[in-house]
Amino acid sequence: MSITQQYFLDAYRARQLGEPAPPAPGVNDWQVVREWRDEREFRAVVAGRPAHGPMRLALGRWLHRRQRSTC
């Protein structure tokens, strides 16, 4: 049975029981990836390793802005 067939079966059963339908497959995939990346970056910073990627860019922009405003 494929994931799509399982989803339709679960949605049918939920409708028969008057319950809300389950989320469609793949709806929350990007949210899960973002949360996993954030958790990995957080653990790296807590372990004393430098931040990389979007976190490092955001920190750099914030620090640069603070230095410019104090001049």
Foldseek 3Di string as FASTA:
>chain_A
DDLQVVQVVQQVVCVVVVHDRDDRPPPCVVVVVVVVVVVVQVVCVVVPHDGDDPVVVVVVVVVVVVVVVVD
